[in-house]
Amino acid sequence: MNVEAFFAAPLIIQIHAISAVGALGLGVVQFTAPKGTIPHRTLGYVWVALMAMTAGTAFFIRSHPEGHFSWIHIFIPITLLGIVDISIRARRGLTAKHRAAAITLFIGALVIPGAFTFLPGRLMHEVFVG
């Protein structure tokens, strides 16, 4: 494990990674804890904030020397639209649709892009394999 690679990365990448890992862990808690409770709602707000921070910081992470977006940046609007969608569904009391949308967002905006961070040349690959 190469923790030094993480601390050598730019601050924006560190913030991005910490918020993503926080959202991943909190998402697991949200899916396993009782629903419809005040803690579920409160932690849901925290989860949405972490997801928004993850998407927001991703906007400033560019892998191309010219500063262009890469293909992985498609997850930014997916994440932002997804957090709006799950919030609206929760507020309207559409619990089954809220749950399905939250699971889809968790997998589509955290698990799948997170898996790509372990490819060679990416920071998490360097931290855990390098």
Protein backbone atom coordinates (compact mmCIF):
# COMPACT_ATOMS: atom_id res chain seq x y z
CA MET A 1 0.00 0.00 0.00
CA ASN A 2 1.38 3.39 -1.03
CA VAL A 3 -0.37 6.03 1.10
CA GLU A 4 2.27 8.57 0.08
CA ALA A 5 0.81 8.58 -3.44
CA PHE A 6 -2.51 9.76 -2.02
CA PHE A 7 -0.92 12.58 -0.03
CA ALA A 8 1.20 13.58 -3.03
CA ALA A 9 -1.92 13.99 -5.18
CA PRO A 10 -3.43 17.47 -5.63
CA LEU A 11 -5.77 18.60 -2.83
CA ILE A 12 -8.82 18.53 -5.12
CA ILE A 13 -8.20 14.84 -5.83
CA GLN A 14 -7.79 14.11 -2.13
CA ILE A 15 -11.09 15.85 -1.34
CA HIS A 16 -12.76 14.00 -4.22
CA ALA A 17 -11.51 10.62 -3.02
CA ILE A 18 -12.41 11.23 0.62
CA SER A 19 -15.94 12.37 -0.25
CA ALA A 20 -16.42 9.40 -2.59
CA VAL A 21 -15.21 6.89 0.00
CA GLY A 22 -17.39 8.59 2.63
CA ALA A 23 -20.42 8.37 0.34
CA LEU A 24 -19.65 4.73 -0.39
CA GLY A 25 -19.47 3.81 3.29
CA LEU A 26 -22.48 5.88 4.27
CA GLY A 27 -24.44 4.42 1.35
CA VAL A 28 -23.86 0.93 2.69
CA VAL A 29 -25.11 2.09 6.11
CA GLN A 30 -28.19 3.67 4.53
CA PHE A 31 -29.10 0.49 2.66
CA THR A 32 -28.73 -1.71 5.73
CA ALA A 33 -30.20 0.56 8.45
CA PRO A 34 -33.93 0.99 9.17
CA LYS A 35 -35.79 3.20 6.69
CA GLY A 36 -38.26 5.98 7.38
CA THR A 37 -36.46 7.11 10.52
CA ILE A 38 -35.02 10.48 11.42
CA PRO A 39 -31.45 9.08 11.30
CA HIS A 40 -32.11 7.70 7.80
CA ARG A 41 -33.31 11.09 6.62
CA THR A 42 -30.46 12.96 8.31
CA LEU A 43 -27.80 10.60 6.97
CA GLY A 44 -29.51 10.87 3.58
CA TYR A 45 -28.84 14.61 3.56
CA VAL A 46 -25.19 13.95 4.45
CA TRP A 47 -24.98 11.32 1.70
CA VAL A 48 -26.42 13.74 -0.86
CA ALA A 49 -23.90 16.39 0.23
CA LEU A 50 -21.03 13.90 -0.13
CA MET A 51 -22.27 12.89 -3.58
CA ALA A 52 -22.56 16.54 -4.63
CA MET A 53 -19.04 17.20 -3.32
CA THR A 54 -17.74 14.18 -5.21
CA ALA A 55 -19.36 15.36 -8.45
CA GLY A 56 -18.33 18.98 -7.87
CA THR A 57 -14.69 18.17 -7.26
CA ALA A 58 -14.64 15.82 -10.27
CA PHE A 59 -15.43 18.82 -12.45
CA PHE A 60 -11.99 20.24 -11.61
CA ILE A 61 -10.05 17.01 -12.12
CA ARG A 62 -8.74 16.83 -15.66
CA SER A 63 -6.48 14.07 -16.92
CA HIS A 64 -5.72 15.54 -20.31
CA PRO A 65 -2.89 18.08 -20.57
CA GLU A 66 -5.13 20.48 -22.49
CA GLY A 67 -7.62 20.54 -19.60
CA HIS A 68 -10.36 18.70 -21.48
CA PHE A 69 -12.88 16.42 -19.85
CA SER A 70 -12.37 12.68 -20.16
CA TRP A 71 -15.07 10.07 -20.73
CA ILE A 72 -15.40 9.46 -16.97
CA HIS A 73 -16.75 12.99 -16.51
CA ILE A 74 -20.10 11.73 -17.85
CA PHE A 75 -20.73 10.65 -14.26
CA ILE A 76 -20.91 14.30 -13.10
CA PRO A 77 -24.32 15.11 -14.62
CA ILE A 78 -25.54 11.57 -13.91
CA THR A 79 -24.71 12.08 -10.23
CA LEU A 80 -26.22 15.55 -9.99
CA LEU A 81 -29.43 14.53 -11.74
CA GLY A 82 -29.56 11.38 -9.64
CA ILE A 83 -29.36 13.19 -6.31
CA VAL A 84 -32.12 15.55 -7.39
CA ASP A 85 -34.22 12.56 -8.47
CA ILE A 86 -33.84 10.59 -5.23
CA SER A 87 -34.52 13.72 -3.19
CA ILE A 88 -37.74 14.48 -5.06
CA ARG A 89 -38.92 10.88 -4.80
CA ALA A 90 -38.23 10.82 -1.05
CA ARG A 91 -40.04 14.11 -0.46
CA ARG A 92 -43.07 12.88 -2.41
CA GLY A 93 -43.21 9.68 -0.36
CA LEU A 94 -42.44 7.45 -3.35
CA THR A 95 -40.42 5.08 -1.20
CA ALA A 96 -40.13 2.16 -3.63
CA LYS A 97 -39.04 4.47 -6.46
CA HIS A 98 -36.73 6.37 -4.10
CA ARG A 99 -35.07 3.12 -3.04
CA ALA A 100 -34.64 1.90 -6.63
CA ALA A 101 -33.23 5.25 -7.73
CA ALA A 102 -30.87 5.38 -4.73
CA ILE A 103 -29.54 1.89 -5.48
CA THR A 104 -29.10 2.80 -9.14
CA LEU A 105 -27.28 6.01 -8.20
CA PHE A 106 -25.09 4.19 -5.68
CA ILE A 107 -24.02 1.63 -8.26
CA GLY A 108 -23.94 3.95 -11.27
CA ALA A 109 -22.21 6.92 -9.66
CA LEU A 110 -20.03 5.29 -6.99
CA VAL A 111 -19.38 1.60 -7.57
CA ILE A 112 -18.83 1.65 -11.35
CA PRO A 113 -16.71 4.82 -11.54
CA GLY A 114 -14.93 3.75 -8.35
CA ALA A 115 -13.92 0.50 -10.02
CA PHE A 116 -12.27 2.50 -12.81
CA THR A 117 -10.03 4.23 -10.26
CA PHE A 118 -8.22 0.92 -9.78
CA LEU A 119 -7.05 0.77 -13.41
CA PRO A 120 -3.30 1.18 -13.99
CA GLY A 121 -2.29 4.83 -14.14
CA ARG A 122 -5.05 5.94 -11.74
CA LEU A 123 -4.46 7.09 -8.17
CA MET A 124 -6.23 4.24 -6.33
CA HIS A 125 -4.27 1.73 -8.36
CA GLU A 126 -1.09 3.47 -7.27
CA VAL A 127 -2.23 3.61 -3.64
CA PHE A 128 -3.33 -0.02 -3.34
CA VAL A 129 -1.18 -1.82 -5.92
CA GLY A 130 1.73 0.50 -6.71
